[in-house]
Amino acid sequence: MHIDFRTAAALLLGLGCIAQACAQTWPAKPLGLVIPFAPGGTTDNIGRLLAQRLAEPLGQPMVVDNRPGAGGMIGADLVAKAPPDGYTLLMMTIAFAINAGMRRDLAFDPLRSFAPVTQLVSLPLMLVVHPSVPAKSVKELITLARARPGQLTYASSGHGTSPHMAAAMFTWMTRTDMIHVPYKGNAPTLSELVGGQVSMTFGIAHQFLPQVKSGRLRALAVTTAKRTGFAPELPTIAESGLAGYEISAWQGILAPAGTPPEIIGRFNREIGRILRLPDVVDRLTSEGAEPVASSAEDFGAYLKSELARWSKVGQAAGIKIE
């Protein structure tokens, strides 16, 4: 087969355009943001806000595509297999690291199949108990749990969620035995805890503040490394005596592996600018979120550490996610 010079040059030009996703003309069509959870929750709300705000500077609409299921793995698999042309992003959360770090049946590699863009936000968790639980501090709760093995119960919004893993890590680090009671979402978790059907839970801090302020629940601590602006009077679990304990729910953006770095950089810059806008900060605060806007490199390193951490916690606590 003979290929003349002009044909070869055209082929090379075409390959170069594919390799760079024609970055100089990108975006030339609508973009997509896959949110691997159902509409209406915190992740969906923040994702839709981001999609709306990205449309203007990029000059193209960003269409939200909710693909719930399997702890976010269905949507993640979809993006992992998408063309790396800069037109598809994944809105992911700590659930990605938990599930991907503990499951062995994934059709994609949680690190190699994606290109990190940025960590969007961090969401502090709060440890709350029903008022009937005779513990007013983390130390008292640990003492109580050790004195009553298998009697205290902790609720979560589902198996493998951040509240579940926060409690699992707590029981593992304190060498206590508590019973996990998973519910389908945050609403029944809150309802059952307020009703006294379960002893305690971990959850997004701002979601429990009204019940804490009304006296229907008692807050003991926050799970972050430092005290949070949502409830600065509450100590961290680490400063309450459990050194090394720290967990925050978080959200971030990934693209398919191979997406041109020029496009990753553009997304990172635009998202960082958006997250610094005062009205966006106010909206995020109303969702219980604190803006982060990390570099792509820092987010990649953080994601790697989170995958390793939750794999270790899952093994130590005997948790399996199928």
C-alpha atoms as a PDB file:
ATOM      1  CA  MET A   1       0.000   0.000   0.000  1.00  0.00           C
ATOM      2  CA  HIS A   2       1.500   3.342  -1.076  1.00  0.00           C
ATOM      3  CA  ILE A   3       0.752   6.533   0.850  1.00  0.00           C
ATOM      4  CA  ASP A   4       1.969   9.769  -0.683  1.00  0.00           C
ATOM      5  CA  PHE A   5       3.374  12.688   1.276  1.00  0.00           C
ATOM      6  CA  ARG A   6       0.166  14.703   1.337  1.00  0.00           C
ATOM      7  CA  THR A   7      -1.868  11.738   2.592  1.00  0.00           C
ATOM      8  CA  ALA A   8       0.665  11.004   5.324  1.00  0.00           C
ATOM      9  CA  ALA A   9       0.718  14.641   6.375  1.00  0.00           C
ATOM     10  CA  ALA A  10      -3.074  14.706   6.551  1.00  0.00           C
ATOM     11  CA  LEU A  11      -3.104  11.570   8.705  1.00  0.00           C
ATOM     12  CA  LEU A  12      -0.527  13.018  11.079  1.00  0.00           C
ATOM     13  CA  LEU A  13      -2.495  16.246  11.321  1.00  0.00           C
ATOM     14  CA  GLY A  14      -5.655  14.299  12.107  1.00  0.00           C
ATOM     15  CA  LEU A  15      -3.917  12.280  14.812  1.00  0.00           C
ATOM     16  CA  GLY A  16      -2.524  15.451  16.336  1.00  0.00           C
ATOM     17  CA  CYS A  17      -5.989  16.934  16.471  1.00  0.00           C
ATOM     18  CA  ILE A  18      -7.338  13.817  18.170  1.00  0.00           C
ATOM     19  CA  ALA A  19      -4.493  13.749  20.687  1.00  0.00           C
ATOM     20  CA  GLN A  20      -5.168  17.329  21.722  1.00  0.00           C
ATOM     21  CA  ALA A  21      -8.962  17.046  21.295  1.00  0.00           C
ATOM     22  CA  CYS A  22      -8.751  20.047  18.993  1.00  0.00           C
ATOM     23  CA  ALA A  23      -8.239  22.085  22.169  1.00  0.00           C
ATOM     24  CA  GLN A  24      -7.970  25.326  20.234  1.00  0.00           C
ATOM     25  CA  THR A  25     -11.628  25.060  19.150  1.00  0.00           C
ATOM     26  CA  TRP A  26     -12.945  23.366  22.289  1.00  0.00           C
ATOM     27  CA  PRO A  27     -15.732  23.404  23.295  1.00  0.00           C
ATOM     28  CA  ALA A  28     -17.635  23.255  20.032  1.00  0.00           C
ATOM     29  CA  LYS A  29     -20.721  21.479  21.385  1.00  0.00           C
ATOM     30  CA  PRO A  30     -22.619  20.997  24.684  1.00  0.00           C
ATOM     31  CA  LEU A  31     -20.747  19.372  27.559  1.00  0.00           C
ATOM     32  CA  GLY A  32     -21.978  16.714  29.957  1.00  0.00           C
ATOM     33  CA  LEU A  33     -21.666  16.317  33.727  1.00  0.00           C
ATOM     34  CA  VAL A  34     -22.468  12.822  34.995  1.00  0.00           C
ATOM     35  CA  ILE A  35     -23.753  12.832  38.576  1.00  0.00           C
ATOM     36  CA  PRO A  36     -23.840   9.209  39.798  1.00  0.00           C
ATOM     37  CA  PHE A  37     -26.618   9.849  42.319  1.00  0.00           C
ATOM     38  CA  ALA A  38     -30.333  10.580  42.181  1.00  0.00           C
ATOM     39  CA  PRO A  39     -31.604  14.161  41.733  1.00  0.00           C
ATOM     40  CA  GLY A  40     -32.341  16.297  44.755  1.00  0.00           C
ATOM     41  CA  GLY A  41     -29.478  15.542  47.142  1.00  0.00           C
ATOM     42  CA  THR A  42     -26.490  17.643  48.167  1.00  0.00           C
ATOM     43  CA  THR A  43     -24.255  16.244  45.421  1.00  0.00           C
ATOM     44  CA  ASP A  44     -26.885  16.898  42.767  1.00  0.00           C
ATOM     45  CA  ASN A  45     -27.539  20.418  44.027  1.00  0.00           C
ATOM     46  CA  ILE A  46     -23.867  21.377  43.967  1.00  0.00           C
ATOM     47  CA  GLY A  47     -23.319  19.660  40.619  1.00  0.00           C
ATOM     48  CA  ARG A  48     -26.183  21.532  38.990  1.00  0.00           C
ATOM     49  CA  LEU A  49     -24.933  24.821  40.398  1.00  0.00           C
ATOM     50  CA  LEU A  50     -21.507  24.127  38.917  1.00  0.00           C
ATOM     51  CA  ALA A  51     -22.917  23.096  35.532  1.00  0.00           C
ATOM     52  CA  GLN A  52     -25.003  26.261  35.366  1.00  0.00           C
ATOM     53  CA  ARG A  53     -22.059  28.513  36.211  1.00  0.00           C
ATOM     54  CA  LEU A  54     -19.639  26.802  33.806  1.00  0.00           C
ATOM     55  CA  ALA A  55     -21.897  27.342  30.796  1.00  0.00           C
ATOM     56  CA  GLU A  56     -21.222  31.073  30.453  1.00  0.00           C
ATOM     57  CA  PRO A  57     -17.390  31.133  30.472  1.00  0.00           C
ATOM     58  CA  LEU A  58     -17.162  28.035  28.275  1.00  0.00           C
ATOM     59  CA  GLY A  59     -19.759  29.288  25.820  1.00  0.00           C
ATOM     60  CA  GLN A  60     -21.653  25.991  25.778  1.00  0.00           C
ATOM     61  CA  PRO A  61     -24.393  24.496  27.969  1.00  0.00           C
ATOM     62  CA  MET A  62     -23.413  21.750  30.389  1.00  0.00           C
ATOM     63  CA  VAL A  63     -26.066  19.023  30.561  1.00  0.00           C
ATOM     64  CA  VAL A  64     -26.463  17.132  33.849  1.00  0.00           C
ATOM     65  CA  ASP A  65     -26.928  13.368  33.505  1.00  0.00           C
ATOM     66  CA  ASN A  66     -27.974  11.583  36.727  1.00  0.00           C
ATOM     67  CA  ARG A  67     -26.829   7.942  36.709  1.00  0.00           C
ATOM     68  CA  PRO A  68     -27.469   6.580  40.218  1.00  0.00           C
ATOM     69  CA  GLY A  69     -26.650   3.092  41.418  1.00  0.00           C
ATOM     70  CA  ALA A  70     -23.979   0.889  43.026  1.00  0.00           C
ATOM     71  CA  GLY A  71     -22.637   3.650  45.255  1.00  0.00           C
ATOM     72  CA  GLY A  72     -21.781   5.839  42.283  1.00  0.00           C
ATOM     73  CA  MET A  73     -19.983   3.108  40.360  1.00  0.00           C
ATOM     74  CA  ILE A  74     -22.493   3.005  37.465  1.00  0.00           C
ATOM     75  CA  GLY A  75     -21.910   6.642  36.605  1.00  0.00           C
ATOM     76  CA  ALA A  76     -18.163   6.287  37.143  1.00  0.00           C
ATOM     77  CA  ASP A  77     -18.005   3.359  34.725  1.00  0.00           C
ATOM     78  CA  LEU A  78     -19.852   5.418  32.112  1.00  0.00           C
ATOM     79  CA  VAL A  79     -17.315   8.244  32.330  1.00  0.00           C
ATOM     80  CA  ALA A  80     -14.346   5.871  32.430  1.00  0.00           C
ATOM     81  CA  LYS A  81     -15.429   4.580  29.009  1.00  0.00           C
ATOM     82  CA  ALA A  82     -16.277   7.996  27.536  1.00  0.00           C
ATOM     83  CA  PRO A  83     -14.058   9.582  24.857  1.00  0.00           C
ATOM     84  CA  PRO A  84     -11.283  11.703  26.426  1.00  0.00           C
ATOM     85  CA  ASP A  85     -12.269  14.728  24.385  1.00  0.00           C
ATOM     86  CA  GLY A  86     -13.179  17.164  27.150  1.00  0.00           C
ATOM     87  CA  TYR A  87     -16.930  16.826  26.735  1.00  0.00           C
ATOM     88  CA  THR A  88     -17.677  14.503  29.687  1.00  0.00           C
ATOM     89  CA  LEU A  89     -16.993  15.047  33.389  1.00  0.00           C
ATOM     90  CA  LEU A  90     -17.806  13.012  36.493  1.00  0.00           C
ATOM     91  CA  MET A  91     -19.085  14.599  39.699  1.00  0.00           C
ATOM     92  CA  MET A  92     -17.822  12.213  42.338  1.00  0.00           C
ATOM     93  CA  THR A  93     -17.787  12.029  46.126  1.00  0.00           C
ATOM     94  CA  ILE A  94     -16.100  10.213  48.969  1.00  0.00           C
ATOM     95  CA  ALA A  95     -18.396   7.295  48.062  1.00  0.00           C
ATOM     96  CA  PHE A  96     -16.207   6.786  44.986  1.00  0.00           C
ATOM     97  CA  ALA A  97     -13.116   6.266  47.155  1.00  0.00           C
ATOM     98  CA  ILE A  98     -14.978   4.046  49.619  1.00  0.00           C
ATOM     99  CA  ASN A  99     -16.550   1.798  47.004  1.00  0.00           C
ATOM    100  CA  ALA A 100     -13.604   1.740  44.612  1.00  0.00           C
ATOM    101  CA  GLY A 101     -11.196   1.134  47.487  1.00  0.00           C
ATOM    102  CA  MET A 102     -13.161  -1.843  48.813  1.00  0.00           C
ATOM    103  CA  ARG A 103     -14.689  -3.513  45.763  1.00  0.00           C
ATOM    104  CA  ARG A 104     -12.875  -5.986  43.548  1.00  0.00           C
ATOM    105  CA  ASP A 105     -15.490  -6.282  40.785  1.00  0.00           C
ATOM    106  CA  LEU A 106     -14.971  -2.913  39.089  1.00  0.00           C
ATOM    107  CA  ALA A 107     -14.792  -2.716  35.306  1.00  0.00           C
ATOM    108  CA  PHE A 108     -12.393   0.236  35.539  1.00  0.00           C
ATOM    109  CA  ASP A 109      -9.273   1.256  37.446  1.00  0.00           C
ATOM    110  CA  PRO A 110     -10.198   4.009  39.950  1.00  0.00           C
ATOM    111  CA  LEU A 111      -6.908   5.817  39.332  1.00  0.00           C
ATOM    112  CA  ARG A 112      -5.753   4.957  35.811  1.00  0.00           C
ATOM    113  CA  SER A 113      -9.170   5.331  34.174  1.00  0.00           C
ATOM    114  CA  PHE A 114      -9.563   8.981  35.176  1.00  0.00           C
ATOM    115  CA  ALA A 115      -7.828  12.342  35.033  1.00  0.00           C
ATOM    116  CA  PRO A 116      -8.293  14.437  38.204  1.00  0.00           C
ATOM    117  CA  VAL A 117      -9.630  17.953  37.656  1.00  0.00           C
ATOM    118  CA  THR A 118     -10.218  19.409  41.129  1.00  0.00           C
ATOM    119  CA  GLN A 119     -11.636  18.776  44.568  1.00  0.00           C
ATOM    120  CA  LEU A 120     -14.702  20.967  44.832  1.00  0.00           C
ATOM    121  CA  VAL A 121     -15.752  20.986  48.463  1.00  0.00           C
ATOM    122  CA  SER A 122     -15.352  19.402  51.863  1.00  0.00           C
ATOM    123  CA  LEU A 123     -18.371  18.578  54.020  1.00  0.00           C
ATOM    124  CA  PRO A 124     -17.753  18.219  57.783  1.00  0.00           C
ATOM    125  CA  LEU A 125     -19.499  15.381  59.602  1.00  0.00           C
ATOM    126  CA  MET A 126     -20.914  15.527  63.103  1.00  0.00           C
ATOM    127  CA  LEU A 127     -21.254  12.815  65.754  1.00  0.00           C
ATOM    128  CA  VAL A 128     -24.722  13.051  67.307  1.00  0.00           C
ATOM    129  CA  VAL A 129     -26.546  10.897  69.841  1.00  0.00           C
ATOM    130  CA  HIS A 130     -30.128  10.616  71.036  1.00  0.00           C
ATOM    131  CA  PRO A 131     -30.633  12.493  74.344  1.00  0.00           C
ATOM    132  CA  SER A 132     -31.404   9.188  76.080  1.00  0.00           C
ATOM    133  CA  VAL A 133     -27.801   8.073  75.567  1.00  0.00           C
ATOM    134  CA  PRO A 134     -25.962   8.873  78.835  1.00  0.00           C
ATOM    135  CA  ALA A 135     -22.886  10.370  77.203  1.00  0.00           C
ATOM    136  CA  LYS A 136     -22.087  14.055  76.874  1.00  0.00           C
ATOM    137  CA  SER A 137     -18.616  13.721  75.401  1.00  0.00           C
ATOM    138  CA  VAL A 138     -16.680  11.428  73.087  1.00  0.00           C
ATOM    139  CA  LYS A 139     -14.774   9.972  76.041  1.00  0.00           C
ATOM    140  CA  GLU A 140     -18.025   9.181  77.856  1.00  0.00           C
ATOM    141  CA  LEU A 141     -19.429   7.561  74.702  1.00  0.00           C
ATOM    142  CA  ILE A 142     -16.371   5.328  74.342  1.00  0.00           C
ATOM    143  CA  THR A 143     -16.578   4.328  78.010  1.00  0.00           C
ATOM    144  CA  LEU A 144     -20.295   3.569  77.630  1.00  0.00           C
ATOM    145  CA  ALA A 145     -19.783   1.511  74.471  1.00  0.00           C
ATOM    146  CA  ARG A 146     -17.058  -0.560  76.118  1.00  0.00           C
ATOM    147  CA  ALA A 147     -19.292  -1.193  79.113  1.00  0.00           C
ATOM    148  CA  ARG A 148     -22.216  -2.234  76.877  1.00  0.00           C
ATOM    149  CA  PRO A 149     -20.749  -4.223  73.965  1.00  0.00           C
ATOM    150  CA  GLY A 150     -23.297  -4.872  71.221  1.00  0.00           C
ATOM    151  CA  GLN A 151     -25.982  -2.715  72.842  1.00  0.00           C
ATOM    152  CA  LEU A 152     -25.473   0.685  71.227  1.00  0.00           C
ATOM    153  CA  THR A 153     -26.668   1.137  67.645  1.00  0.00           C
ATOM    154  CA  TYR A 154     -25.509   3.552  64.977  1.00  0.00           C
ATOM    155  CA  ALA A 155     -27.571   4.566  61.974  1.00  0.00           C
ATOM    156  CA  SER A 156     -26.277   5.350  58.508  1.00  0.00           C
ATOM    157  CA  SER A 157     -27.744   6.445  55.192  1.00  0.00           C
ATOM    158  CA  GLY A 158     -26.672   3.162  53.619  1.00  0.00           C
ATOM    159  CA  HIS A 159     -23.977   0.511  53.444  1.00  0.00           C
ATOM    160  CA  GLY A 160     -20.653   1.976  52.355  1.00  0.00           C
ATOM    161  CA  THR A 161     -21.695   5.619  52.797  1.00  0.00           C
ATOM    162  CA  SER A 162     -19.563   8.182  54.610  1.00  0.00           C
ATOM    163  CA  PRO A 163     -21.695   7.979  57.815  1.00  0.00           C
ATOM    164  CA  HIS A 164     -21.266   4.189  57.802  1.00  0.00           C
ATOM    165  CA  MET A 165     -17.513   4.391  57.307  1.00  0.00           C
ATOM    166  CA  ALA A 166     -17.134   7.190  59.855  1.00  0.00           C
ATOM    167  CA  ALA A 167     -18.802   4.978  62.466  1.00  0.00           C
ATOM    168  CA  ALA A 168     -16.912   1.868  61.348  1.00  0.00           C
ATOM    169  CA  MET A 169     -13.606   3.701  61.719  1.00  0.00           C
ATOM    170  CA  PHE A 170     -14.725   4.989  65.122  1.00  0.00           C
ATOM    171  CA  THR A 171     -15.572   1.517  66.432  1.00  0.00           C
ATOM    172  CA  TRP A 172     -12.366   0.068  64.966  1.00  0.00           C
ATOM    173  CA  MET A 173     -10.133   2.741  66.506  1.00  0.00           C
ATOM    174  CA  THR A 174     -11.884   2.587  69.899  1.00  0.00           C
ATOM    175  CA  ARG A 175     -12.149  -1.228  69.937  1.00  0.00           C
ATOM    176  CA  THR A 176     -15.862  -1.044  70.672  1.00  0.00           C
ATOM    177  CA  ASP A 177     -18.754  -3.173  69.451  1.00  0.00           C
ATOM    178  CA  MET A 178     -21.788  -1.314  68.104  1.00  0.00           C
ATOM    179  CA  ILE A 179     -24.567  -2.481  65.795  1.00  0.00           C
ATOM    180  CA  HIS A 180     -24.898  -0.901  62.346  1.00  0.00           C
ATOM    181  CA  VAL A 181     -28.452  -0.039  61.254  1.00  0.00           C
ATOM    182  CA  PRO A 182     -28.447   1.111  57.601  1.00  0.00           C
ATOM    183  CA  TYR A 183     -31.326   3.122  56.165  1.00  0.00           C
ATOM    184  CA  LYS A 184     -32.116   4.213  52.618  1.00  0.00           C
ATOM    185  CA  GLY A 185     -31.041   7.833  52.733  1.00  0.00           C
ATOM    186  CA  ASN A 186     -30.603  10.678  55.203  1.00  0.00           C
ATOM    187  CA  ALA A 187     -34.296  11.405  55.880  1.00  0.00           C
ATOM    188  CA  PRO A 188     -35.157   8.056  57.528  1.00  0.00           C
ATOM    189  CA  THR A 189     -31.825   8.103  59.368  1.00  0.00           C
ATOM    190  CA  LEU A 190     -32.665  11.436  60.964  1.00  0.00           C
ATOM    191  CA  SER A 191     -36.263  10.446  61.693  1.00  0.00           C
ATOM    192  CA  GLU A 192     -35.302   7.184  63.413  1.00  0.00           C
ATOM    193  CA  LEU A 193     -32.565   8.848  65.457  1.00  0.00           C
ATOM    194  CA  VAL A 194     -34.851  11.650  66.650  1.00  0.00           C
ATOM    195  CA  GLY A 195     -37.436   8.993  67.506  1.00  0.00           C
ATOM    196  CA  GLY A 196     -34.927   7.092  69.626  1.00  0.00           C
ATOM    197  CA  GLN A 197     -34.943   3.908  67.545  1.00  0.00           C
ATOM    198  CA  VAL A 198     -31.126   4.124  67.250  1.00  0.00           C
ATOM    199  CA  SER A 199     -28.472   5.478  69.603  1.00  0.00           C
ATOM    200  CA  MET A 200     -26.277   7.617  67.386  1.00  0.00           C
ATOM    201  CA  THR A 201     -25.072   8.495  63.915  1.00  0.00           C
ATOM    202  CA  PHE A 202     -22.518  10.459  61.947  1.00  0.00           C
ATOM    203  CA  GLY A 203     -23.804  12.851  59.305  1.00  0.00           C
ATOM    204  CA  ILE A 204     -23.289  16.084  57.381  1.00  0.00           C
ATOM    205  CA  ALA A 205     -22.984  18.682  60.139  1.00  0.00           C
ATOM    206  CA  HIS A 206     -25.483  21.282  58.942  1.00  0.00           C
ATOM    207  CA  GLN A 207     -28.228  18.664  58.456  1.00  0.00           C
ATOM    208  CA  PHE A 208     -28.341  17.986  62.202  1.00  0.00           C
ATOM    209  CA  LEU A 209     -27.968  21.519  63.548  1.00  0.00           C
ATOM    210  CA  PRO A 210     -31.721  22.300  63.771  1.00  0.00           C
ATOM    211  CA  GLN A 211     -32.353  19.145  65.820  1.00  0.00           C
ATOM    212  CA  VAL A 212     -29.311  19.810  67.987  1.00  0.00           C
ATOM    213  CA  LYS A 213     -30.387  23.404  68.676  1.00  0.00           C
ATOM    214  CA  SER A 214     -33.921  22.252  69.540  1.00  0.00           C
ATOM    215  CA  GLY A 215     -32.582  19.665  71.995  1.00  0.00           C
ATOM    216  CA  ARG A 216     -33.936  16.661  70.111  1.00  0.00           C
ATOM    217  CA  LEU A 217     -30.377  15.465  69.472  1.00  0.00           C
ATOM    218  CA  ARG A 218     -27.072  15.966  71.276  1.00  0.00           C
ATOM    219  CA  ALA A 219     -23.925  16.773  69.312  1.00  0.00           C
ATOM    220  CA  LEU A 220     -20.669  15.468  70.762  1.00  0.00           C
ATOM    221  CA  ALA A 221     -18.024  16.407  68.201  1.00  0.00           C
ATOM    222  CA  VAL A 222     -17.126  17.023  64.579  1.00  0.00           C
ATOM    223  CA  THR A 223     -15.022  14.634  62.547  1.00  0.00           C
ATOM    224  CA  THR A 224     -12.733  17.123  60.828  1.00  0.00           C
ATOM    225  CA  ALA A 225      -9.061  17.753  61.634  1.00  0.00           C
ATOM    226  CA  LYS A 226      -9.956  21.260  62.847  1.00  0.00           C
ATOM    227  CA  ARG A 227     -13.106  22.755  64.342  1.00  0.00           C
ATOM    228  CA  THR A 228     -15.670  23.765  61.751  1.00  0.00           C
ATOM    229  CA  GLY A 229     -17.289  27.113  61.130  1.00  0.00           C
ATOM    230  CA  PHE A 230     -20.721  25.455  61.195  1.00  0.00           C
ATOM    231  CA  ALA A 231     -20.369  24.658  64.911  1.00  0.00           C
ATOM    232  CA  PRO A 232     -17.136  26.164  66.282  1.00  0.00           C
ATOM    233  CA  GLU A 233     -18.094  25.325  69.849  1.00  0.00           C
ATOM    234  CA  LEU A 234     -17.861  21.585  69.153  1.00  0.00           C
ATOM    235  CA  PRO A 235     -14.499  19.847  69.631  1.00  0.00           C
ATOM    236  CA  THR A 236     -13.067  17.500  67.044  1.00  0.00           C
ATOM    237  CA  ILE A 237     -13.050  13.795  67.798  1.00  0.00           C
ATOM    238  CA  ALA A 238      -9.252  13.869  67.649  1.00  0.00           C
ATOM    239  CA  GLU A 239      -8.967  16.602  70.285  1.00  0.00           C
ATOM    240  CA  SER A 240     -11.531  14.717  72.383  1.00  0.00           C
ATOM    241  CA  GLY A 241      -9.038  11.906  72.904  1.00  0.00           C
ATOM    242  CA  LEU A 242      -9.111   9.774  69.746  1.00  0.00           C
ATOM    243  CA  ALA A 243      -5.872  10.913  68.118  1.00  0.00           C
ATOM    244  CA  GLY A 244      -5.671  10.428  64.369  1.00  0.00           C
ATOM    245  CA  TYR A 245      -9.414  10.257  63.790  1.00  0.00           C
ATOM    246  CA  GLU A 246     -10.486  12.441  60.866  1.00  0.00           C
ATOM    247  CA  ILE A 247     -12.990  12.165  58.055  1.00  0.00           C
ATOM    248  CA  SER A 248     -14.757  14.664  55.843  1.00  0.00           C
ATOM    249  CA  ALA A 249     -17.213  13.936  53.104  1.00  0.00           C
ATOM    250  CA  TRP A 250     -16.018  15.554  49.884  1.00  0.00           C
ATOM    251  CA  GLN A 251     -16.866  16.080  46.242  1.00  0.00           C
ATOM    252  CA  GLY A 252     -14.654  16.452  43.204  1.00  0.00           C
ATOM    253  CA  ILE A 253     -14.482  16.376  39.435  1.00  0.00           C
ATOM    254  CA  LEU A 254     -12.849  13.712  37.247  1.00  0.00           C
ATOM    255  CA  ALA A 255     -12.494  13.424  33.481  1.00  0.00           C
ATOM    256  CA  PRO A 256     -11.748  10.325  31.392  1.00  0.00           C
ATOM    257  CA  ALA A 257      -8.056   9.401  31.346  1.00  0.00           C
ATOM    258  CA  GLY A 258      -6.321  10.900  28.344  1.00  0.00           C
ATOM    259  CA  THR A 259      -8.257  14.162  28.370  1.00  0.00           C
ATOM    260  CA  PRO A 260      -5.815  16.826  27.105  1.00  0.00           C
ATOM    261  CA  PRO A 261      -4.054  18.707  29.922  1.00  0.00           C
ATOM    262  CA  GLU A 262      -5.003  22.024  28.305  1.00  0.00           C
ATOM    263  CA  ILE A 263      -8.660  21.176  28.797  1.00  0.00           C
ATOM    264  CA  ILE A 264      -8.094  19.872  32.336  1.00  0.00           C
ATOM    265  CA  GLY A 265      -6.338  23.151  33.120  1.00  0.00           C
ATOM    266  CA  ARG A 266      -9.181  25.222  31.689  1.00  0.00           C
ATOM    267  CA  PHE A 267     -11.762  23.346  33.750  1.00  0.00           C
ATOM    268  CA  ASN A 268      -9.609  23.710  36.869  1.00  0.00           C
ATOM    269  CA  ARG A 269      -9.218  27.462  36.434  1.00  0.00           C
ATOM    270  CA  GLU A 270     -12.884  28.114  35.678  1.00  0.00           C
ATOM    271  CA  ILE A 271     -14.112  25.951  38.559  1.00  0.00           C
ATOM    272  CA  GLY A 272     -11.671  27.600  40.968  1.00  0.00           C
ATOM    273  CA  ARG A 273     -12.927  31.034  39.932  1.00  0.00           C
ATOM    274  CA  ILE A 274     -16.560  29.950  40.349  1.00  0.00           C
ATOM    275  CA  LEU A 275     -15.945  28.510  43.823  1.00  0.00           C
ATOM    276  CA  ARG A 276     -14.584  31.879  44.978  1.00  0.00           C
ATOM    277  CA  LEU A 277     -17.684  33.862  43.952  1.00  0.00           C
ATOM    278  CA  PRO A 278     -19.480  35.193  47.078  1.00  0.00           C
ATOM    279  CA  ASP A 279     -22.935  34.026  46.001  1.00  0.00           C
ATOM    280  CA  VAL A 280     -21.582  30.557  45.200  1.00  0.00           C
ATOM    281  CA  VAL A 281     -19.867  30.384  48.599  1.00  0.00           C
ATOM    282  CA  ASP A 282     -23.224  31.261  50.198  1.00  0.00           C
ATOM    283  CA  ARG A 283     -24.978  28.502  48.246  1.00  0.00           C
ATOM    284  CA  LEU A 284     -22.332  25.970  49.214  1.00  0.00           C
ATOM    285  CA  THR A 285     -22.573  26.997  52.856  1.00  0.00           C
ATOM    286  CA  SER A 286     -26.330  26.396  52.726  1.00  0.00           C
ATOM    287  CA  GLU A 287     -25.539  22.830  51.612  1.00  0.00           C
ATOM    288  CA  GLY A 288     -23.070  22.321  54.468  1.00  0.00           C
ATOM    289  CA  ALA A 289     -20.065  22.504  52.147  1.00  0.00           C
ATOM    290  CA  GLU A 290     -16.777  24.372  52.374  1.00  0.00           C
ATOM    291  CA  PRO A 291     -15.072  25.236  49.030  1.00  0.00           C
ATOM    292  CA  VAL A 292     -11.653  23.698  48.359  1.00  0.00           C
ATOM    293  CA  ALA A 293     -10.731  24.273  44.678  1.00  0.00           C
ATOM    294  CA  SER A 294      -7.523  22.218  44.701  1.00  0.00           C
ATOM    295  CA  SER A 295      -5.069  21.781  41.858  1.00  0.00           C
ATOM    296  CA  ALA A 296      -5.483  18.714  39.656  1.00  0.00           C
ATOM    297  CA  GLU A 297      -2.221  17.306  41.036  1.00  0.00           C
ATOM    298  CA  ASP A 298      -3.228  17.772  44.676  1.00  0.00           C
ATOM    299  CA  PHE A 299      -6.614  16.208  44.043  1.00  0.00           C
ATOM    300  CA  GLY A 300      -4.990  13.211  42.352  1.00  0.00           C
ATOM    301  CA  ALA A 301      -2.720  12.670  45.361  1.00  0.00           C
ATOM    302  CA  TYR A 302      -5.645  13.077  47.764  1.00  0.00           C
ATOM    303  CA  LEU A 303      -7.778  10.604  45.830  1.00  0.00           C
ATOM    304  CA  LYS A 304      -4.965   8.056  45.897  1.00  0.00           C
ATOM    305  CA  SER A 305      -4.611   8.427  49.669  1.00  0.00           C
ATOM    306  CA  GLU A 306      -8.375   8.126  50.201  1.00  0.00           C
ATOM    307  CA  LEU A 307      -8.564   4.918  48.150  1.00  0.00           C
ATOM    308  CA  ALA A 308      -5.774   3.410  50.255  1.00  0.00           C
ATOM    309  CA  ARG A 309      -7.317   4.572  53.527  1.00  0.00           C
ATOM    310  CA  TRP A 310     -10.786   3.174  52.958  1.00  0.00           C
ATOM    311  CA  SER A 311      -9.406  -0.091  51.661  1.00  0.00           C
ATOM    312  CA  LYS A 312      -7.461  -0.403  54.930  1.00  0.00           C
ATOM    313  CA  VAL A 313     -10.435   0.572  57.114  1.00  0.00           C
ATOM    314  CA  GLY A 314     -12.721  -1.836  55.267  1.00  0.00           C
ATOM    315  CA  GLN A 315     -10.332  -4.729  55.748  1.00  0.00           C
ATOM    316  CA  ALA A 316      -9.695  -3.915  59.412  1.00  0.00           C
ATOM    317  CA  ALA A 317     -13.412  -3.532  60.184  1.00  0.00           C
ATOM    318  CA  GLY A 318     -14.410  -6.580  58.142  1.00  0.00           C
ATOM    319  CA  ILE A 319     -16.641  -4.597  55.784  1.00  0.00           C
ATOM    320  CA  LYS A 320     -17.360  -5.911  52.312  1.00  0.00           C
ATOM    321  CA  ILE A 321     -19.193  -4.022  49.579  1.00  0.00           C
ATOM    322  CA  GLU A 322     -20.676  -6.142  46.818  1.00  0.00           C
END
